[in-house]
Amino acid sequence: MTSRFVGAPIDGVTSTAYRIPTDAPESDGTIRWSSTTIVVVEVTSGGAAGIGYTYAEESITGVIGGVLRPAITGRDAMATPAAFDAMVHAVRNIGRPGLASSAISAVDTAIWDLKARLLGVSLATLLGQARARIAAYGSGGFTSYDDARLGEQLGRWVRDDGCSAVKMKVGREPKRDVARVRTARAAIGGAAELYVDANGAYDCKQALALAESFAALGVTWFEEPVSADDHASLRLLRDRAPAGMRIAIGEYGYDAMYFRRLLSAGACDVLQADATRCGGVTGFLQAAALADAWNMPLSAHTAPSLHATLCCAVGRAMNVEYFYDHARIERMLFDGARTVHQGCLEPDDSRPGLGLELKRDDAERFAA
């Protein structure tokens, strides 16, 4: 049977950047920031509009309007693989990794959202659900926080939201990191898992030494202990880290080939993927297929309202990062933003697509 929506052409692509100030100074092991920019894309066809988004610089609106829009305008809204391939070909000469991939990610997600809306189903239903809900871990614990705020934030995720794991930033002042981790452990108690994320701040031997100290405080997840591109050091750390400590990496994967190289190098115990960077829904499903082929757990990096749906459709997924900045921004800008309940996130099957609607009046004051 031929779908009545085949031939519904994409007839519009728009993008807007919104810059949201943080509620306090924030930093991790390698950078500091005072605002976060989200770029929201809308793709239209057949009188319906799909929403996608990415966390990137506002300059990608030029890539979306000048490069991606011409590549997909007129294409069938149902033919998501064809639109994805057209966008990848279109950015060949400007370079796919980085900003171009973030732009593709937002547009691809919007096309998938549009497709589900045209069919009148949730995106979770369209993709097919492997589970009804996915575990979420609270993520923040910035290096700019004093001990009181660090403990309050992590403790609240465990106590009030039922998270079984939380993550904190390390690496800004390595000599203080063990003491900060000890503060975090005291705040969350002994039952919850504690994750640390260095954002590539350590060198290999430094990370190896700290892994022992962190493990003594019950840390079970060491994210990006060294540069995400240093696969040899990541493999060494994976081989020599204390038993029970997983090396997590992948948030800076912009295409399937990066994930393949990472997995081929044996550089991680958990593969991370971020649909706002790695190619949207299409790219996330590619990463999930690779994780499945390598028998590797998959974790979604940030953007919880998007990843709540995607991880419920992926059997290999283990959790979603409920990142403080993104959770806050998504609640501010989107009606239907997902929040943690009893330690989990759930897609909203009662609404079509991702179940998100832009709060235009609220968003407008943050327009970049």
Protein backbone atom coordinates (compact mmCIF):
# COMPACT_ATOMS: atom_id res chain seq x y z
CA MET A 1 0.00 0.00 0.00
CA THR A 2 1.31 3.45 -0.89
CA SER A 3 1.24 5.99 1.94
CA ARG A 4 -0.90 9.02 1.23
CA PHE A 5 1.98 11.17 2.48
CA VAL A 6 4.50 10.05 -0.13
CA GLY A 7 5.25 13.06 -2.27
CA ALA A 8 4.54 15.63 0.46
CA PRO A 9 7.48 17.92 -0.29
CA ILE A 10 9.49 19.82 2.25
CA ASP A 11 8.56 23.43 1.56
CA GLY A 12 10.20 25.41 4.34
CA VAL A 13 13.28 25.36 6.60
CA THR A 14 13.85 28.06 9.22
CA SER A 15 16.27 28.35 12.13
CA THR A 16 16.63 30.70 15.07
CA ALA A 17 19.36 30.91 17.69
CA TYR A 18 18.57 31.65 21.34
CA ARG A 19 21.25 32.53 23.89
CA ILE A 20 20.32 31.64 27.48
CA PRO A 21 22.43 33.03 30.34
CA THR A 22 23.45 30.52 32.99
CA ASP A 23 22.06 31.03 36.48
CA ALA A 24 25.62 31.15 37.86
CA PRO A 25 29.17 31.03 36.43
CA GLU A 26 29.94 27.55 35.09
CA SER A 27 33.12 25.71 34.15
CA ASP A 28 34.49 22.24 33.63
CA GLY A 29 38.03 20.94 33.34
CA THR A 30 38.91 22.91 30.21
CA ILE A 31 36.49 25.81 29.53
CA ARG A 32 34.30 28.40 31.27
CA TRP A 33 30.97 29.77 30.07
CA SER A 34 28.20 32.16 31.10
CA SER A 35 25.55 31.30 28.51
CA THR A 36 24.40 28.45 26.29
CA THR A 37 23.13 28.85 22.72
CA ILE A 38 20.41 26.60 21.33
CA VAL A 39 19.49 26.69 17.64
CA VAL A 40 15.90 25.64 16.93
CA VAL A 41 14.95 24.47 13.44
CA GLU A 42 11.49 24.12 11.94
CA VAL A 43 10.89 22.12 8.76
CA THR A 44 7.47 22.32 7.11
CA SER A 45 5.49 20.17 4.68
CA GLY A 46 1.82 19.50 4.06
CA GLY A 47 0.74 22.18 6.53
CA ALA A 48 2.68 20.58 9.39
CA ALA A 49 5.92 21.70 11.07
CA GLY A 50 8.57 19.57 12.72
CA ILE A 51 10.98 20.83 15.39
CA GLY A 52 14.65 19.98 15.85
CA TYR A 53 17.42 21.63 17.82
CA THR A 54 21.11 21.61 18.61
CA TYR A 55 23.36 23.29 21.15
CA ALA A 56 25.86 25.20 19.01
CA GLU A 57 26.86 28.68 17.91
CA GLU A 58 24.35 30.92 16.16
CA SER A 59 26.57 30.91 13.05
CA ILE A 60 25.10 27.56 12.04
CA THR A 61 21.90 29.34 11.06
CA GLY A 62 23.83 30.48 7.99
CA VAL A 63 24.77 26.89 7.17
CA ILE A 64 21.16 25.80 7.61
CA GLY A 65 19.73 28.56 5.44
CA GLY A 66 22.46 28.75 2.83
CA VAL A 67 23.59 25.12 2.44
CA LEU A 68 21.09 22.67 3.92
CA ARG A 69 17.80 24.31 2.97
CA PRO A 70 18.50 24.18 -0.78
CA ALA A 71 19.62 20.56 -0.43
CA ILE A 72 16.36 19.31 1.06
CA THR A 73 13.66 21.69 -0.20
CA GLY A 74 11.24 19.77 -2.41
CA ARG A 75 12.29 16.37 -1.07
CA ASP A 76 9.73 13.94 0.28
CA ALA A 77 9.23 14.52 4.02
CA MET A 78 8.86 10.74 4.44
CA ALA A 79 12.23 9.99 2.84
CA THR A 80 14.43 10.75 5.84
CA PRO A 81 17.49 8.78 4.60
CA ALA A 82 17.49 10.66 1.29
CA ALA A 83 17.32 14.03 3.05
CA PHE A 84 20.13 13.04 5.41
CA ASP A 85 22.39 11.93 2.55
CA ALA A 86 21.65 15.13 0.64
CA MET A 87 22.72 17.24 3.62
CA VAL A 88 25.94 15.25 4.12
CA HIS A 89 26.84 15.71 0.43
CA ALA A 90 26.00 19.43 0.61
CA VAL A 91 28.56 20.16 3.36
CA ARG A 92 31.44 18.31 1.69
CA ASN A 93 33.45 21.41 0.88
CA ILE A 94 32.86 23.20 4.19
CA GLY A 95 33.74 20.21 6.38
CA ARG A 96 31.26 17.94 8.10
CA PRO A 97 32.60 17.63 11.70
CA GLY A 98 31.73 20.39 14.14
CA LEU A 99 29.29 23.13 13.21
CA ALA A 100 28.12 21.59 9.94
CA SER A 101 27.27 18.33 11.66
CA SER A 102 25.42 20.19 14.40
CA ALA A 103 23.41 21.97 11.71
CA ILE A 104 22.58 18.65 10.01
CA SER A 105 21.60 17.22 13.40
CA ALA A 106 18.99 19.89 14.07
CA VAL A 107 17.49 19.66 10.59
CA ASP A 108 17.45 15.86 10.55
CA THR A 109 15.65 15.79 13.91
CA ALA A 110 13.11 18.30 12.61
CA ILE A 111 12.44 16.12 9.55
CA TRP A 112 11.86 13.05 11.73
CA ASP A 113 9.57 15.08 13.98
CA LEU A 114 7.70 16.32 10.91
CA LYS A 115 7.37 12.78 9.55
CA ALA A 116 5.84 11.57 12.82
CA ARG A 117 3.45 14.55 12.93
CA LEU A 118 2.29 13.92 9.35
CA LEU A 119 1.55 10.33 10.34
CA GLY A 120 -0.16 11.46 13.54
CA VAL A 121 2.03 9.38 15.88
CA SER A 122 4.70 10.02 18.47
CA LEU A 123 8.30 9.70 17.32
CA ALA A 124 8.72 6.92 19.88
CA THR A 125 5.91 5.00 18.20
CA LEU A 126 7.30 5.68 14.73
CA LEU A 127 10.76 4.40 15.69
CA GLY A 128 9.41 1.46 17.68
CA GLN A 129 9.99 1.28 21.41
CA ALA A 130 12.42 -1.08 23.08
CA ARG A 131 11.30 0.17 26.51
CA ALA A 132 8.78 2.53 28.07
CA ARG A 133 11.32 4.59 30.01
CA ILE A 134 15.07 5.08 30.30
CA ALA A 135 17.26 5.71 33.35
CA ALA A 136 18.50 9.30 33.73
CA TYR A 137 21.50 10.50 35.68
CA GLY A 138 21.77 14.02 37.08
CA SER A 139 24.71 15.89 35.58
CA GLY A 140 26.27 19.17 36.69
CA GLY A 141 28.61 19.60 39.62
CA PHE A 142 30.58 22.28 37.77
CA THR A 143 34.11 23.11 38.86
CA SER A 144 32.96 26.69 39.49
CA TYR A 145 30.63 25.49 42.28
CA ASP A 146 31.65 25.69 45.91
CA ASP A 147 31.29 22.57 48.01
CA ALA A 148 27.89 23.60 49.35
CA ARG A 149 26.29 23.98 45.92
CA LEU A 150 28.04 20.88 44.61
CA GLY A 151 26.61 18.77 47.41
CA GLU A 152 23.15 20.35 47.27
CA GLN A 153 22.74 19.84 43.52
CA LEU A 154 23.94 16.25 43.37
CA GLY A 155 22.14 15.30 46.56
CA ARG A 156 18.84 16.71 45.30
CA TRP A 157 18.93 14.59 42.14
CA VAL A 158 19.29 11.47 44.27
CA ARG A 159 16.96 12.47 47.10
CA ASP A 160 14.15 14.28 45.24
CA ASP A 161 14.31 12.90 41.68
CA GLY A 162 15.26 9.33 42.45
CA CYS A 163 18.36 9.27 40.25
CA SER A 164 20.52 6.22 40.88
CA ALA A 165 23.60 8.00 39.48
CA VAL A 166 24.95 11.56 39.26
CA LYS A 167 27.91 13.15 37.50
CA MET A 168 30.27 15.98 38.41
CA LYS A 169 32.99 17.89 36.59
CA VAL A 170 36.66 17.47 37.49
CA GLY A 171 40.01 18.57 36.06
CA ARG A 172 40.06 22.33 36.65
CA GLU A 173 42.26 22.00 39.77
CA PRO A 174 43.50 18.40 39.88
CA LYS A 175 44.92 18.79 43.39
CA ARG A 176 41.41 19.55 44.69
CA ASP A 177 39.56 16.89 42.74
CA VAL A 178 39.79 14.06 45.25
CA ALA A 179 38.46 16.33 48.02
CA ARG A 180 35.59 17.49 45.77
CA VAL A 181 34.70 13.91 44.91
CA ARG A 182 34.71 13.09 48.62
CA THR A 183 32.26 15.98 49.19
CA ALA A 184 30.00 14.66 46.44
CA ARG A 185 30.05 11.14 47.84
CA ALA A 186 29.05 12.41 51.28
CA ALA A 187 26.14 14.34 49.73
CA ILE A 188 24.66 11.45 47.73
CA GLY A 189 25.26 8.63 50.19
CA GLY A 190 26.70 5.23 49.50
CA ALA A 191 23.97 3.72 47.32
CA ALA A 192 24.00 6.04 44.29
CA GLU A 193 26.64 5.72 41.59
CA LEU A 194 29.04 8.64 41.20
CA TYR A 195 30.41 9.61 37.78
CA VAL A 196 33.22 12.07 37.01
CA ASP A 197 33.87 13.95 33.75
CA ALA A 198 37.27 15.53 33.09
CA ASN A 199 36.47 16.92 29.61
CA GLY A 200 39.94 15.86 28.48
CA ALA A 201 41.74 17.91 31.13
CA TYR A 202 44.22 15.27 32.35
CA ASP A 203 47.23 13.64 30.74
CA CYS A 204 47.32 9.87 30.65
CA LYS A 205 49.45 9.15 33.73
CA GLN A 206 47.64 11.80 35.76
CA ALA A 207 44.30 10.28 34.86
CA LEU A 208 45.52 6.80 35.71
CA ALA A 209 46.68 7.90 39.18
CA LEU A 210 43.44 9.77 39.87
CA ALA A 211 41.37 6.81 38.71
CA GLU A 212 42.68 4.85 41.71
CA SER A 213 41.78 7.65 44.13
CA PHE A 214 38.34 8.12 42.58
CA ALA A 215 37.63 4.38 42.69
CA ALA A 216 38.33 4.36 46.42
CA LEU A 217 35.41 6.82 46.76
CA GLY A 218 33.08 4.62 44.70
CA VAL A 219 33.40 6.36 41.32
CA THR A 220 32.19 3.94 38.65
CA TRP A 221 32.38 6.12 35.50
CA PHE A 222 35.36 8.16 34.27
CA GLU A 223 34.35 10.27 31.28
CA GLU A 224 36.84 11.76 28.83
CA PRO A 225 39.79 11.42 31.20
CA VAL A 226 42.09 12.52 28.35
CA SER A 227 41.47 14.04 24.92
CA ALA A 228 38.66 12.36 23.02
CA ASP A 229 41.05 12.02 20.06
CA ASP A 230 43.77 10.18 22.01
CA HIS A 231 42.49 6.68 21.42
CA ALA A 232 45.76 5.01 22.44
CA SER A 233 45.69 6.62 25.91
CA LEU A 234 41.99 5.88 26.28
CA ARG A 235 42.69 2.22 25.51
CA LEU A 236 45.48 2.15 28.09
CA LEU A 237 43.20 3.71 30.70
CA ARG A 238 40.44 1.26 29.87
CA ASP A 239 42.83 -1.66 30.30
CA ARG A 240 44.39 -0.41 33.54
CA ALA A 241 41.55 1.41 35.32
CA PRO A 242 40.32 -0.18 38.57
CA ALA A 243 37.81 -2.98 38.22
CA GLY A 244 34.27 -1.61 38.16
CA MET A 245 35.26 1.77 36.63
CA ARG A 246 33.99 2.36 33.10
CA ILE A 247 35.71 4.66 30.63
CA ALA A 248 33.04 6.67 28.77
CA ILE A 249 33.71 8.61 25.56
CA GLY A 250 32.01 9.74 22.37
CA GLU A 251 30.23 13.05 22.93
CA TYR A 252 32.41 14.69 20.26
CA GLY A 253 31.55 12.08 17.65
CA TYR A 254 30.14 13.89 14.61
CA ASP A 255 29.68 10.92 12.29
CA ALA A 256 29.51 7.13 12.26
CA MET A 257 33.14 6.79 11.17
CA TYR A 258 34.34 8.45 14.38
CA PHE A 259 32.37 5.97 16.48
CA ARG A 260 33.73 3.12 14.38
CA ARG A 261 37.34 4.26 14.94
CA LEU A 262 36.70 4.64 18.65
CA LEU A 263 35.21 1.17 18.97
CA SER A 264 37.88 -0.41 16.77
CA ALA A 265 40.55 1.04 19.06
CA GLY A 266 38.91 -0.52 22.12
CA ALA A 267 38.96 2.94 23.67
CA CYS A 268 35.83 2.84 25.84
CA ASP A 269 33.55 0.77 28.05
CA VAL A 270 30.54 2.98 27.28
CA LEU A 271 29.93 4.65 23.92
CA GLN A 272 28.38 8.10 24.22
CA ALA A 273 26.46 9.71 21.37
CA ASP A 274 24.78 13.09 21.11
CA ALA A 275 21.98 13.42 18.55
CA THR A 276 22.43 17.21 18.54
CA ARG A 277 25.95 16.68 17.14
CA CYS A 278 26.23 13.30 15.45
CA GLY A 279 23.54 13.72 12.78
CA GLY A 280 20.23 13.95 14.57
CA VAL A 281 17.92 10.94 14.80
CA THR A 282 19.56 9.31 11.78
CA GLY A 283 23.07 9.71 13.14
CA PHE A 284 22.07 8.51 16.61
CA LEU A 285 20.56 5.35 15.15
CA GLN A 286 23.81 4.77 13.25
CA ALA A 287 25.78 5.07 16.49
CA ALA A 288 23.35 2.69 18.16
CA ALA A 289 23.85 0.13 15.39
CA LEU A 290 27.62 0.30 15.88
CA ALA A 291 27.26 -0.09 19.63
CA ASP A 292 25.10 -3.12 19.01
CA ALA A 293 27.67 -4.62 16.64
CA TRP A 294 30.43 -4.16 19.25
CA ASN A 295 28.20 -5.34 22.13
CA MET A 296 28.80 -1.96 23.77
CA PRO A 297 26.47 -0.03 26.13
CA LEU A 298 25.25 3.27 24.65
CA SER A 299 24.68 6.44 26.69
CA ALA A 300 23.07 9.64 25.40
CA HIS A 301 24.97 12.88 26.00
CA THR A 302 22.80 15.84 27.20
CA ALA A 303 19.62 17.14 25.40
CA PRO A 304 17.33 15.04 27.63
CA SER A 305 14.02 15.92 25.96
CA LEU A 306 15.31 14.57 22.65
CA HIS A 307 17.22 11.59 23.98
CA ALA A 308 14.36 10.39 26.19
CA THR A 309 12.59 9.34 23.00
CA LEU A 310 15.63 8.02 21.13
CA CYS A 311 16.93 5.89 23.98
CA CYS A 312 13.55 4.27 24.47
CA ALA A 313 13.84 3.11 20.85
CA VAL A 314 17.37 1.68 21.19
CA GLY A 315 17.88 -1.64 22.91
CA ARG A 316 21.56 -1.01 23.71
CA ALA A 317 20.90 2.32 25.50
CA MET A 318 21.70 2.34 29.22
CA ASN A 319 20.93 5.92 30.29
CA VAL A 320 20.42 9.58 29.36
CA GLU A 321 22.40 12.50 30.78
CA TYR A 322 20.01 14.90 32.52
CA PHE A 323 22.40 17.82 32.04
CA TYR A 324 21.58 20.78 34.25
CA ASP A 325 21.92 23.51 31.60
CA HIS A 326 19.99 21.70 28.88
CA ALA A 327 17.21 20.47 31.16
CA ARG A 328 16.75 24.05 32.37
CA ILE A 329 16.74 25.51 28.85
CA GLU A 330 14.36 22.90 27.46
CA ARG A 331 11.88 23.59 30.26
CA MET A 332 12.14 27.32 29.54
CA LEU A 333 11.67 27.09 25.77
CA PHE A 334 9.57 24.00 25.07
CA ASP A 335 6.14 22.98 26.14
CA GLY A 336 6.40 19.21 26.66
CA ALA A 337 10.03 19.18 27.87
CA ARG A 338 10.76 15.95 29.67
CA THR A 339 11.62 15.88 33.38
CA VAL A 340 12.96 13.11 35.59
CA HIS A 341 10.43 11.03 37.51
CA GLN A 342 11.58 8.27 39.82
CA GLY A 343 15.00 8.34 38.22
CA CYS A 344 13.74 7.92 34.64
CA LEU A 345 12.70 9.84 31.53
CA GLU A 346 9.73 8.86 29.37
CA PRO A 347 8.62 9.94 25.89
CA ASP A 348 5.14 11.43 25.65
CA ASP A 349 3.17 9.04 23.43
CA SER A 350 0.05 11.21 23.69
CA ARG A 351 1.54 13.92 21.47
CA PRO A 352 2.77 13.64 17.87
CA GLY A 353 6.46 13.74 17.05
CA LEU A 354 8.80 14.58 19.88
CA GLY A 355 5.89 16.13 21.75
CA LEU A 356 7.64 19.51 21.92
CA GLU A 357 6.22 22.92 21.04
CA LEU A 358 8.30 26.08 21.08
CA LYS A 359 7.09 28.69 23.57
CA ARG A 360 7.58 31.49 21.08
CA ASP A 361 6.82 34.40 23.38
CA ASP A 362 9.11 33.05 26.08
CA ALA A 363 11.87 32.28 23.58
CA GLU A 364 11.80 35.59 21.76
CA ARG A 365 13.54 37.54 24.51
CA PHE A 366 16.55 35.22 24.18
CA ALA A 367 16.87 35.53 20.39
CA ALA A 368 20.55 35.91 19.50
